[in-house]
Amino acid sequence: MSKSESRNRTALLPSIRCFPEDKEAVMKKADAAGLSIGSFMLRSALGRRIEAKCDTELIMELRRLGGLQKHLFKEGGGVMSKEYSDVLMAIQKAILKVGME
């Protein structure tokens, strides 16, 4: 943001009342996007794009490991299928967790 753009932002919006769980949800989403709460709220209200920051390399590596685990499961002919299933579920949960943060 340029200095002239920040100097033009002189208007203030009034405080917003909300439930504690709503506040927590907004704070988490703002943090996930790498924005302050004010910037997040303003972008949301104006329909501007909000991109969550996440570690795409980590997600890609987890997906690769999941693919390798699936390959090993197929090659093993179902031997130790419970263990393979547990590992695949753990990888899937990790991918979802990283994507949500």
PDB file of N, CA and C in Angstrom:
ATOM      1  N   MET A   1       0.854  -1.169   0.000  1.00  0.00           N
ATOM      2  CA  MET A   1       0.000   0.000   0.000  1.00  0.00           C
ATOM      3  C   MET A   1       0.897   1.227   0.000  1.00  0.00           C
ATOM      4  N   SER A   2       0.588   2.184  -0.856  1.00  0.00           N
ATOM      5  CA  SER A   2       1.387   3.398  -0.939  1.00  0.00           C
ATOM      6  C   SER A   2       1.024   4.349   0.190  1.00  0.00           C
ATOM      7  N   LYS A   3       1.918   5.308   0.432  1.00  0.00           N
ATOM      8  CA  LYS A   3       1.663   6.275   1.502  1.00  0.00           C
ATOM      9  C   LYS A   3       0.419   7.105   1.218  1.00  0.00           C
ATOM     10  N   SER A   4       0.209   7.456  -0.033  1.00  0.00           N
ATOM     11  CA  SER A   4      -0.953   8.283  -0.363  1.00  0.00           C
ATOM     12  C   SER A   4      -2.252   7.527  -0.102  1.00  0.00           C
ATOM     13  N   GLU A   5      -2.240   6.212  -0.338  1.00  0.00           N
ATOM     14  CA  GLU A   5      -3.447   5.423  -0.093  1.00  0.00           C
ATOM     15  C   GLU A   5      -3.748   5.353   1.399  1.00  0.00           C
ATOM     16  N   SER A   6      -2.734   5.186   2.220  1.00  0.00           N
ATOM     17  CA  SER A   6      -2.975   5.099   3.660  1.00  0.00           C
ATOM     18  C   SER A   6      -3.393   6.449   4.227  1.00  0.00           C
ATOM     19  N   ARG A   7      -2.879   7.534   3.676  1.00  0.00           N
ATOM     20  CA  ARG A   7      -3.275   8.866   4.166  1.00  0.00           C
ATOM     21  C   ARG A   7      -4.720   9.181   3.824  1.00  0.00           C
ATOM     22  N   ASN A   8      -5.240   8.598   2.752  1.00  0.00           N
ATOM     23  CA  ASN A   8      -6.615   8.867   2.355  1.00  0.00           C
ATOM     24  C   ASN A   8      -7.621   8.113   3.216  1.00  0.00           C
ATOM     25  N   ARG A   9      -7.175   7.133   3.944  1.00  0.00           N
ATOM     26  CA  ARG A   9      -8.074   6.353   4.797  1.00  0.00           C
ATOM     27  C   ARG A   9      -8.244   7.062   6.136  1.00  0.00           C
ATOM     28  N   THR A  10      -9.160   8.010   6.140  1.00  0.00           N
ATOM     29  CA  THR A  10      -9.372   8.795   7.362  1.00  0.00           C
ATOM     30  C   THR A  10     -10.714   8.510   8.017  1.00  0.00           C
ATOM     31  N   ALA A  11     -11.635   7.892   7.304  1.00  0.00           N
ATOM     32  CA  ALA A  11     -12.958   7.622   7.864  1.00  0.00           C
ATOM     33  C   ALA A  11     -12.899   6.392   8.763  1.00  0.00           C
ATOM     34  N   LEU A  12     -13.669   6.420   9.856  1.00  0.00           N
ATOM     35  CA  LEU A  12     -13.732   5.299  10.786  1.00  0.00           C
ATOM     36  C   LEU A  12     -15.123   4.691  10.766  1.00  0.00           C
ATOM     37  N   LEU A  13     -15.178   3.372  10.901  1.00  0.00           N
ATOM     38  CA  LEU A  13     -16.455   2.676  11.023  1.00  0.00           C
ATOM     39  C   LEU A  13     -16.727   2.435  12.500  1.00  0.00           C
ATOM     40  N   PRO A  14     -17.996   2.432  12.903  1.00  0.00           N
ATOM     41  CA  PRO A  14     -18.294   2.190  14.318  1.00  0.00           C
ATOM     42  C   PRO A  14     -17.990   0.744  14.709  1.00  0.00           C
ATOM     43  N   SER A  15     -17.847   0.520  15.994  1.00  0.00           N
ATOM     44  CA  SER A  15     -17.594  -0.835  16.496  1.00  0.00           C
ATOM     45  C   SER A  15     -18.767  -1.745  16.178  1.00  0.00           C
ATOM     46  N   ILE A  16     -18.486  -3.023  16.111  1.00  0.00           N
ATOM     47  CA  ILE A  16     -19.515  -4.008  15.787  1.00  0.00           C
ATOM     48  C   ILE A  16     -19.715  -4.916  16.992  1.00  0.00           C
ATOM     49  N   ARG A  17     -20.965  -5.130  17.374  1.00  0.00           N
ATOM     50  CA  ARG A  17     -21.264  -6.072  18.453  1.00  0.00           C
ATOM     51  C   ARG A  17     -21.545  -7.436  17.833  1.00  0.00           C
ATOM     52  N   CYS A  18     -21.012  -8.481  18.480  1.00  0.00           N
ATOM     53  CA  CYS A  18     -21.233  -9.825  17.984  1.00  0.00           C
ATOM     54  C   CYS A  18     -21.106 -10.827  19.128  1.00  0.00           C
ATOM     55  N   PHE A  19     -21.454 -12.060  18.846  1.00  0.00           N
ATOM     56  CA  PHE A  19     -21.296 -13.129  19.824  1.00  0.00           C
ATOM     57  C   PHE A  19     -19.818 -13.510  19.916  1.00  0.00           C
ATOM     58  N   PRO A  20     -19.375 -13.992  21.071  1.00  0.00           N
ATOM     59  CA  PRO A  20     -17.968 -14.389  21.209  1.00  0.00           C
ATOM     60  C   PRO A  20     -17.524 -15.420  20.170  1.00  0.00           C
ATOM     61  N   GLU A  21     -18.396 -16.374  19.839  1.00  0.00           N
ATOM     62  CA  GLU A  21     -18.018 -17.383  18.842  1.00  0.00           C
ATOM     63  C   GLU A  21     -17.887 -16.781  17.443  1.00  0.00           C
ATOM     64  N   ASP A  22     -18.686 -15.730  17.148  1.00  0.00           N
ATOM     65  CA  ASP A  22     -18.550 -15.039  15.869  1.00  0.00           C
ATOM     66  C   ASP A  22     -17.217 -14.293  15.809  1.00  0.00           C
ATOM     67  N   LYS A  23     -16.859 -13.660  16.918  1.00  0.00           N
ATOM     68  CA  LYS A  23     -15.589 -12.937  16.989  1.00  0.00           C
ATOM     69  C   LYS A  23     -14.430 -13.900  16.754  1.00  0.00           C
ATOM     70  N   GLU A  24     -14.484 -15.053  17.392  1.00  0.00           N
ATOM     71  CA  GLU A  24     -13.427 -16.053  17.251  1.00  0.00           C
ATOM     72  C   GLU A  24     -13.324 -16.530  15.801  1.00  0.00           C
ATOM     73  N   ALA A  25     -14.465 -16.758  15.153  1.00  0.00           N
ATOM     74  CA  ALA A  25     -14.470 -17.207  13.759  1.00  0.00           C
ATOM     75  C   ALA A  25     -13.863 -16.155  12.836  1.00  0.00           C
ATOM     76  N   VAL A  26     -14.221 -14.889  13.049  1.00  0.00           N
ATOM     77  CA  VAL A  26     -13.677 -13.808  12.221  1.00  0.00           C
ATOM     78  C   VAL A  26     -12.173 -13.681  12.450  1.00  0.00           C
ATOM     79  N   MET A  27     -11.748 -13.787  13.695  1.00  0.00           N
ATOM     80  CA  MET A  27     -10.323 -13.683  14.007  1.00  0.00           C
ATOM     81  C   MET A  27      -9.527 -14.804  13.332  1.00  0.00           C
ATOM     82  N   LYS A  28     -10.076 -16.021  13.347  1.00  0.00           N
ATOM     83  CA  LYS A  28      -9.400 -17.149  12.710  1.00  0.00           C
ATOM     84  C   LYS A  28      -9.302 -16.953  11.205  1.00  0.00           C
ATOM     85  N   LYS A  29     -10.397 -16.490  10.593  1.00  0.00           N
ATOM     86  CA  LYS A  29     -10.392 -16.283   9.145  1.00  0.00           C
ATOM     87  C   LYS A  29      -9.442 -15.166   8.746  1.00  0.00           C
ATOM     88  N   ALA A  30      -9.414 -14.089   9.522  1.00  0.00           N
ATOM     89  CA  ALA A  30      -8.498 -12.979   9.238  1.00  0.00           C
ATOM     90  C   ALA A  30      -7.056 -13.451   9.357  1.00  0.00           C
ATOM     91  N   ASP A  31      -6.772 -14.231  10.396  1.00  0.00           N
ATOM     92  CA  ASP A  31      -5.420 -14.753  10.586  1.00  0.00           C
ATOM     93  C   ASP A  31      -5.037 -15.692   9.440  1.00  0.00           C
ATOM     94  N   ALA A  32      -5.966 -16.532   9.020  1.00  0.00           N
ATOM     95  CA  ALA A  32      -5.694 -17.461   7.915  1.00  0.00           C
ATOM     96  C   ALA A  32      -5.383 -16.713   6.628  1.00  0.00           C
ATOM     97  N   ALA A  33      -5.995 -15.551   6.462  1.00  0.00           N
ATOM     98  CA  ALA A  33      -5.766 -14.749   5.263  1.00  0.00           C
ATOM     99  C   ALA A  33      -4.547 -13.845   5.406  1.00  0.00           C
ATOM    100  N   GLY A  34      -3.980 -13.781   6.624  1.00  0.00           N
ATOM    101  CA  GLY A  34      -2.828 -12.914   6.845  1.00  0.00           C
ATOM    102  C   GLY A  34      -3.202 -11.448   6.874  1.00  0.00           C
ATOM    103  N   LEU A  35      -4.426 -11.150   7.319  1.00  0.00           N
ATOM    104  CA  LEU A  35      -4.925  -9.781   7.354  1.00  0.00           C
ATOM    105  C   LEU A  35      -5.293  -9.380   8.777  1.00  0.00           C
ATOM    106  N   SER A  36      -5.322  -8.079   9.004  1.00  0.00           N
ATOM    107  CA  SER A  36      -5.861  -7.598  10.271  1.00  0.00           C
ATOM    108  C   SER A  36      -7.372  -7.820  10.235  1.00  0.00           C
ATOM    109  N   ILE A  37      -7.989  -7.769  11.391  1.00  0.00           N
ATOM    110  CA  ILE A  37      -9.447  -7.958  11.444  1.00  0.00           C
ATOM    111  C   ILE A  37     -10.149  -6.871  10.643  1.00  0.00           C
ATOM    112  N   GLY A  38      -9.686  -5.640  10.774  1.00  0.00           N
ATOM    113  CA  GLY A  38     -10.294  -4.531  10.036  1.00  0.00           C
ATOM    114  C   GLY A  38     -10.193  -4.707   8.526  1.00  0.00           C
ATOM    115  N   SER A  39      -9.010  -5.080   8.060  1.00  0.00           N
ATOM    116  CA  SER A  39      -8.823  -5.296   6.623  1.00  0.00           C
ATOM    117  C   SER A  39      -9.676  -6.455   6.131  1.00  0.00           C
ATOM    118  N   PHE A  40      -9.729  -7.516   6.930  1.00  0.00           N
ATOM    119  CA  PHE A  40     -10.543  -8.669   6.556  1.00  0.00           C
ATOM    120  C   PHE A  40     -12.022  -8.284   6.459  1.00  0.00           C
ATOM    121  N   MET A  41     -12.525  -7.575   7.468  1.00  0.00           N
ATOM    122  CA  MET A  41     -13.932  -7.172   7.477  1.00  0.00           C
ATOM    123  C   MET A  41     -14.242  -6.249   6.296  1.00  0.00           C
ATOM    124  N   LEU A  42     -13.344  -5.319   6.022  1.00  0.00           N
ATOM    125  CA  LEU A  42     -13.560  -4.380   4.922  1.00  0.00           C
ATOM    126  C   LEU A  42     -13.579  -5.113   3.580  1.00  0.00           C
ATOM    127  N   ARG A  43     -12.619  -6.003   3.370  1.00  0.00           N
ATOM    128  CA  ARG A  43     -12.602  -6.768   2.117  1.00  0.00           C
ATOM    129  C   ARG A  43     -13.840  -7.639   1.986  1.00  0.00           C
ATOM    130  N   SER A  44     -14.251  -8.262   3.086  1.00  0.00           N
ATOM    131  CA  SER A  44     -15.457  -9.103   3.051  1.00  0.00           C
ATOM    132  C   SER A  44     -16.679  -8.275   2.690  1.00  0.00           C
ATOM    133  N   ALA A  45     -16.825  -7.138   3.331  1.00  0.00           N
ATOM    134  CA  ALA A  45     -17.997  -6.292   3.102  1.00  0.00           C
ATOM    135  C   ALA A  45     -18.053  -5.743   1.683  1.00  0.00           C
ATOM    136  N   LEU A  46     -16.894  -5.477   1.117  1.00  0.00           N
ATOM    137  CA  LEU A  46     -16.850  -4.899  -0.232  1.00  0.00           C
ATOM    138  C   LEU A  46     -16.740  -5.955  -1.324  1.00  0.00           C
ATOM    139  N   GLY A  47     -16.782  -7.227  -0.937  1.00  0.00           N
ATOM    140  CA  GLY A  47     -16.744  -8.309  -1.912  1.00  0.00           C
ATOM    141  C   GLY A  47     -15.408  -8.458  -2.601  1.00  0.00           C
ATOM    142  N   ARG A  48     -14.346  -8.009  -1.943  1.00  0.00           N
ATOM    143  CA  ARG A  48     -13.015  -8.130  -2.528  1.00  0.00           C
ATOM    144  C   ARG A  48     -12.457  -9.522  -2.263  1.00  0.00           C
ATOM    145  N   ARG A  49     -11.519  -9.913  -3.075  1.00  0.00           N
ATOM    146  CA  ARG A  49     -10.930 -11.244  -2.989  1.00  0.00           C
ATOM    147  C   ARG A  49     -10.093 -11.387  -1.707  1.00  0.00           C
ATOM    148  N   ILE A  50     -10.295 -12.507  -1.031  1.00  0.00           N
ATOM    149  CA  ILE A  50      -9.517 -12.833   0.158  1.00  0.00           C
ATOM    150  C   ILE A  50      -8.904 -14.201  -0.070  1.00  0.00           C
ATOM    151  N   GLU A  51      -7.591 -14.253  -0.083  1.00  0.00           N
ATOM    152  CA  GLU A  51      -6.899 -15.516  -0.299  1.00  0.00           C
ATOM    153  C   GLU A  51      -6.278 -15.971   1.008  1.00  0.00           C
ATOM    154  N   ALA A  52      -6.595 -17.181   1.380  1.00  0.00           N
ATOM    155  CA  ALA A  52      -5.996 -17.730   2.597  1.00  0.00           C
ATOM    156  C   ALA A  52      -4.547 -18.083   2.321  1.00  0.00           C
ATOM    157  N   LYS A  53      -3.696 -17.744   3.280  1.00  0.00           N
ATOM    158  CA  LYS A  53      -2.300 -18.134   3.133  1.00  0.00           C
ATOM    159  C   LYS A  53      -2.165 -19.555   3.668  1.00  0.00           C
ATOM    160  N   CYS A  54      -1.622 -20.416   2.881  1.00  0.00           N
ATOM    161  CA  CYS A  54      -1.387 -21.781   3.339  1.00  0.00           C
ATOM    162  C   CYS A  54      -0.124 -22.291   2.670  1.00  0.00           C
ATOM    163  N   ASP A  55       0.430 -23.296   3.237  1.00  0.00           N
ATOM    164  CA  ASP A  55       1.672 -23.861   2.747  1.00  0.00           C
ATOM    165  C   ASP A  55       1.359 -24.863   1.637  1.00  0.00           C
ATOM    166  N   THR A  56       1.364 -24.396   0.403  1.00  0.00           N
ATOM    167  CA  THR A  56       1.002 -25.265  -0.719  1.00  0.00           C
ATOM    168  C   THR A  56       2.025 -26.376  -0.923  1.00  0.00           C
ATOM    169  N   GLU A  57       3.292 -26.089  -0.630  1.00  0.00           N
ATOM    170  CA  GLU A  57       4.311 -27.134  -0.769  1.00  0.00           C
ATOM    171  C   GLU A  57       4.036 -28.270   0.209  1.00  0.00           C
ATOM    172  N   LEU A  58       3.640 -27.938   1.424  1.00  0.00           N
ATOM    173  CA  LEU A  58       3.330 -28.956   2.415  1.00  0.00           C
ATOM    174  C   LEU A  58       2.125 -29.791   1.985  1.00  0.00           C
ATOM    175  N   ILE A  59       1.113 -29.135   1.465  1.00  0.00           N
ATOM    176  CA  ILE A  59      -0.068 -29.859   0.998  1.00  0.00           C
ATOM    177  C   ILE A  59       0.301 -30.796  -0.154  1.00  0.00           C
ATOM    178  N   MET A  60       1.123 -30.318  -1.080  1.00  0.00           N
ATOM    179  CA  MET A  60       1.533 -31.159  -2.205  1.00  0.00           C
ATOM    180  C   MET A  60       2.336 -32.367  -1.722  1.00  0.00           C
ATOM    181  N   GLU A  61       3.201 -32.164  -0.727  1.00  0.00           N
ATOM    182  CA  GLU A  61       3.985 -33.283  -0.196  1.00  0.00           C
ATOM    183  C   GLU A  61       3.080 -34.294   0.499  1.00  0.00           C
ATOM    184  N   LEU A  62       2.099 -33.821   1.244  1.00  0.00           N
ATOM    185  CA  LEU A  62       1.156 -34.738   1.889  1.00  0.00           C
ATOM    186  C   LEU A  62       0.362 -35.532   0.855  1.00  0.00           C
ATOM    187  N   ARG A  63      -0.024 -34.878  -0.211  1.00  0.00           N
ATOM    188  CA  ARG A  63      -0.740 -35.581  -1.279  1.00  0.00           C
ATOM    189  C   ARG A  63       0.148 -36.625  -1.947  1.00  0.00           C
ATOM    190  N   ARG A  64       1.412 -36.280  -2.144  1.00  0.00           N
ATOM    191  CA  ARG A  64       2.355 -37.228  -2.736  1.00  0.00           C
ATOM    192  C   ARG A  64       2.511 -38.446  -1.832  1.00  0.00           C
ATOM    193  N   LEU A  65       2.658 -38.199  -0.529  1.00  0.00           N
ATOM    194  CA  LEU A  65       2.788 -39.302   0.415  1.00  0.00           C
ATOM    195  C   LEU A  65       1.529 -40.165   0.439  1.00  0.00           C
ATOM    196  N   GLY A  66       0.377 -39.520   0.325  1.00  0.00           N
ATOM    197  CA  GLY A  66      -0.875 -40.276   0.254  1.00  0.00           C
ATOM    198  C   GLY A  66      -0.924 -41.171  -0.974  1.00  0.00           C
ATOM    199  N   GLY A  67      -0.456 -40.635  -2.098  1.00  0.00           N
ATOM    200  CA  GLY A  67      -0.412 -41.424  -3.324  1.00  0.00           C
ATOM    201  C   GLY A  67       0.525 -42.613  -3.203  1.00  0.00           C
ATOM    202  N   LEU A  68       1.681 -42.383  -2.589  1.00  0.00           N
ATOM    203  CA  LEU A  68       2.621 -43.487  -2.379  1.00  0.00           C
ATOM    204  C   LEU A  68       2.029 -44.536  -1.437  1.00  0.00           C
ATOM    205  N   GLN A  69       1.346 -44.079  -0.406  1.00  0.00           N
ATOM    206  CA  GLN A  69       0.731 -45.008   0.541  1.00  0.00           C
ATOM    207  C   GLN A  69      -0.341 -45.843  -0.157  1.00  0.00           C
ATOM    208  N   LYS A  70      -1.114 -45.205  -1.010  1.00  0.00           N
ATOM    209  CA  LYS A  70      -2.152 -45.914  -1.761  1.00  0.00           C
ATOM    210  C   LYS A  70      -1.522 -46.952  -2.690  1.00  0.00           C
ATOM    211  N   HIS A  71      -0.429 -46.577  -3.332  1.00  0.00           N
ATOM    212  CA  HIS A  71       0.281 -47.508  -4.216  1.00  0.00           C
ATOM    213  C   HIS A  71       0.771 -48.725  -3.428  1.00  0.00           C
ATOM    214  N   LEU A  72       1.372 -48.487  -2.261  1.00  0.00           N
ATOM    215  CA  LEU A  72       1.847 -49.589  -1.424  1.00  0.00           C
ATOM    216  C   LEU A  72       0.700 -50.501  -1.004  1.00  0.00           C
ATOM    217  N   PHE A  73      -0.436 -49.911  -0.701  1.00  0.00           N
ATOM    218  CA  PHE A  73      -1.609 -50.700  -0.316  1.00  0.00           C
ATOM    219  C   PHE A  73      -2.023 -51.626  -1.457  1.00  0.00           C
ATOM    220  N   LYS A  74      -2.092 -51.083  -2.667  1.00  0.00           N
ATOM    221  CA  LYS A  74      -2.499 -51.896  -3.820  1.00  0.00           C
ATOM    222  C   LYS A  74      -1.482 -52.988  -4.116  1.00  0.00           C
ATOM    223  N   GLU A  75      -0.203 -52.646  -4.004  1.00  0.00           N
ATOM    224  CA  GLU A  75       0.847 -53.630  -4.260  1.00  0.00           C
ATOM    225  C   GLU A  75       0.845 -54.734  -3.205  1.00  0.00           C
ATOM    226  N   GLY A  76       0.441 -54.420  -1.986  1.00  0.00           N
ATOM    227  CA  GLY A  76       0.435 -55.388  -0.901  1.00  0.00           C
ATOM    228  C   GLY A  76      -0.722 -56.357  -0.956  1.00  0.00           C
ATOM    229  N   GLY A  77      -1.650 -56.149  -1.837  1.00  0.00           N
ATOM    230  CA  GLY A  77      -2.780 -57.052  -2.003  1.00  0.00           C
ATOM    231  C   GLY A  77      -3.701 -57.118  -0.793  1.00  0.00           C
ATOM    232  N   GLY A  78      -3.808 -56.037  -0.055  1.00  0.00           N
ATOM    233  CA  GLY A  78      -4.730 -56.001   1.074  1.00  0.00           C
ATOM    234  C   GLY A  78      -4.133 -56.440   2.397  1.00  0.00           C
ATOM    235  N   VAL A  79      -2.867 -56.870   2.377  1.00  0.00           N
ATOM    236  CA  VAL A  79      -2.214 -57.247   3.626  1.00  0.00           C
ATOM    237  C   VAL A  79      -2.007 -55.971   4.447  1.00  0.00           C
ATOM    238  N   MET A  80      -2.302 -56.023   5.715  1.00  0.00           N
ATOM    239  CA  MET A  80      -2.192 -54.874   6.628  1.00  0.00           C
ATOM    240  C   MET A  80      -3.081 -53.713   6.175  1.00  0.00           C
ATOM    241  N   SER A  81      -4.248 -54.022   5.628  1.00  0.00           N
ATOM    242  CA  SER A  81      -5.122 -52.979   5.102  1.00  0.00           C
ATOM    243  C   SER A  81      -5.562 -51.996   6.185  1.00  0.00           C
ATOM    244  N   LYS A  82      -5.750 -52.437   7.401  1.00  0.00           N
ATOM    245  CA  LYS A  82      -6.148 -51.543   8.496  1.00  0.00           C
ATOM    246  C   LYS A  82      -5.068 -50.488   8.742  1.00  0.00           C
ATOM    247  N   GLU A  83      -3.809 -50.906   8.758  1.00  0.00           N
ATOM    248  CA  GLU A  83      -2.708 -49.980   8.983  1.00  0.00           C
ATOM    249  C   GLU A  83      -2.591 -48.971   7.845  1.00  0.00           C
ATOM    250  N   TYR A  84      -2.710 -49.451   6.609  1.00  0.00           N
ATOM    251  CA  TYR A  84      -2.657 -48.543   5.459  1.00  0.00           C
ATOM    252  C   TYR A  84      -3.808 -47.544   5.514  1.00  0.00           C
ATOM    253  N   SER A  85      -4.984 -48.031   5.869  1.00  0.00           N
ATOM    254  CA  SER A  85      -6.150 -47.162   5.966  1.00  0.00           C
ATOM    255  C   SER A  85      -5.942 -46.092   7.031  1.00  0.00           C
ATOM    256  N   ASP A  86      -5.380 -46.478   8.166  1.00  0.00           N
ATOM    257  CA  ASP A  86      -5.127 -45.511   9.244  1.00  0.00           C
ATOM    258  C   ASP A  86      -4.159 -44.415   8.799  1.00  0.00           C
ATOM    259  N   VAL A  87      -3.106 -44.815   8.081  1.00  0.00           N
ATOM    260  CA  VAL A  87      -2.127 -43.837   7.601  1.00  0.00           C
ATOM    261  C   VAL A  87      -2.760 -42.909   6.571  1.00  0.00           C
ATOM    262  N   LEU A  88      -3.547 -43.462   5.648  1.00  0.00           N
ATOM    263  CA  LEU A  88      -4.214 -42.625   4.643  1.00  0.00           C
ATOM    264  C   LEU A  88      -5.173 -41.634   5.295  1.00  0.00           C
ATOM    265  N   MET A  89      -5.892 -42.073   6.315  1.00  0.00           N
ATOM    266  CA  MET A  89      -6.808 -41.168   7.017  1.00  0.00           C
ATOM    267  C   MET A  89      -6.038 -40.063   7.738  1.00  0.00           C
ATOM    268  N   ALA A  90      -4.897 -40.396   8.334  1.00  0.00           N
ATOM    269  CA  ALA A  90      -4.078 -39.393   9.015  1.00  0.00           C
ATOM    270  C   ALA A  90      -3.541 -38.360   8.026  1.00  0.00           C
ATOM    271  N   ILE A  91      -3.126 -38.813   6.849  1.00  0.00           N
ATOM    272  CA  ILE A  91      -2.641 -37.897   5.820  1.00  0.00           C
ATOM    273  C   ILE A  91      -3.764 -36.987   5.348  1.00  0.00           C
ATOM    274  N   GLN A  92      -4.947 -37.560   5.141  1.00  0.00           N
ATOM    275  CA  GLN A  92      -6.089 -36.757   4.699  1.00  0.00           C
ATOM    276  C   GLN A  92      -6.449 -35.708   5.748  1.00  0.00           C
ATOM    277  N   LYS A  93      -6.456 -36.064   7.012  1.00  0.00           N
ATOM    278  CA  LYS A  93      -6.748 -35.109   8.078  1.00  0.00           C
ATOM    279  C   LYS A  93      -5.699 -33.995   8.114  1.00  0.00           C
ATOM    280  N   ALA A  94      -4.443 -34.358   7.902  1.00  0.00           N
ATOM    281  CA  ALA A  94      -3.373 -33.350   7.889  1.00  0.00           C
ATOM    282  C   ALA A  94      -3.552 -32.377   6.744  1.00  0.00           C
ATOM    283  N   ILE A  95      -3.931 -32.877   5.579  1.00  0.00           N
ATOM    284  CA  ILE A  95      -4.176 -31.992   4.434  1.00  0.00           C
ATOM    285  C   ILE A  95      -5.319 -31.026   4.745  1.00  0.00           C
ATOM    286  N   LEU A  96      -6.385 -31.535   5.301  1.00  0.00           N
ATOM    287  CA  LEU A  96      -7.521 -30.677   5.644  1.00  0.00           C
ATOM    288  C   LEU A  96      -7.142 -29.645   6.699  1.00  0.00           C
ATOM    289  N   LYS A  97      -6.366 -30.055   7.675  1.00  0.00           N
ATOM    290  CA  LYS A  97      -5.964 -29.134   8.733  1.00  0.00           C
ATOM    291  C   LYS A  97      -5.093 -28.019   8.188  1.00  0.00           C
ATOM    292  N   VAL A  98      -4.140 -28.362   7.330  1.00  0.00           N
ATOM    293  CA  VAL A  98      -3.270 -27.350   6.737  1.00  0.00           C
ATOM    294  C   VAL A  98      -4.087 -26.409   5.859  1.00  0.00           C
ATOM    295  N   GLY A  99      -5.033 -26.945   5.125  1.00  0.00           N
ATOM    296  CA  GLY A  99      -5.883 -26.118   4.276  1.00  0.00           C
ATOM    297  C   GLY A  99      -6.774 -25.171   5.048  1.00  0.00           C
ATOM    298  N   MET A 100      -7.149 -25.538   6.267  1.00  0.00           N
ATOM    299  CA  MET A 100      -8.025 -24.705   7.081  1.00  0.00           C
ATOM    300  C   MET A 100      -7.266 -23.626   7.854  1.00  0.00           C
ATOM    301  N   GLU A 101      -5.998 -23.823   8.073  1.00  0.00           N
ATOM    302  CA  GLU A 101      -5.235 -22.872   8.869  1.00  0.00           C
ATOM    303  C   GLU A 101      -4.897 -21.630   8.086  1.00  0.00           C
TER     304      GLU A 101
END
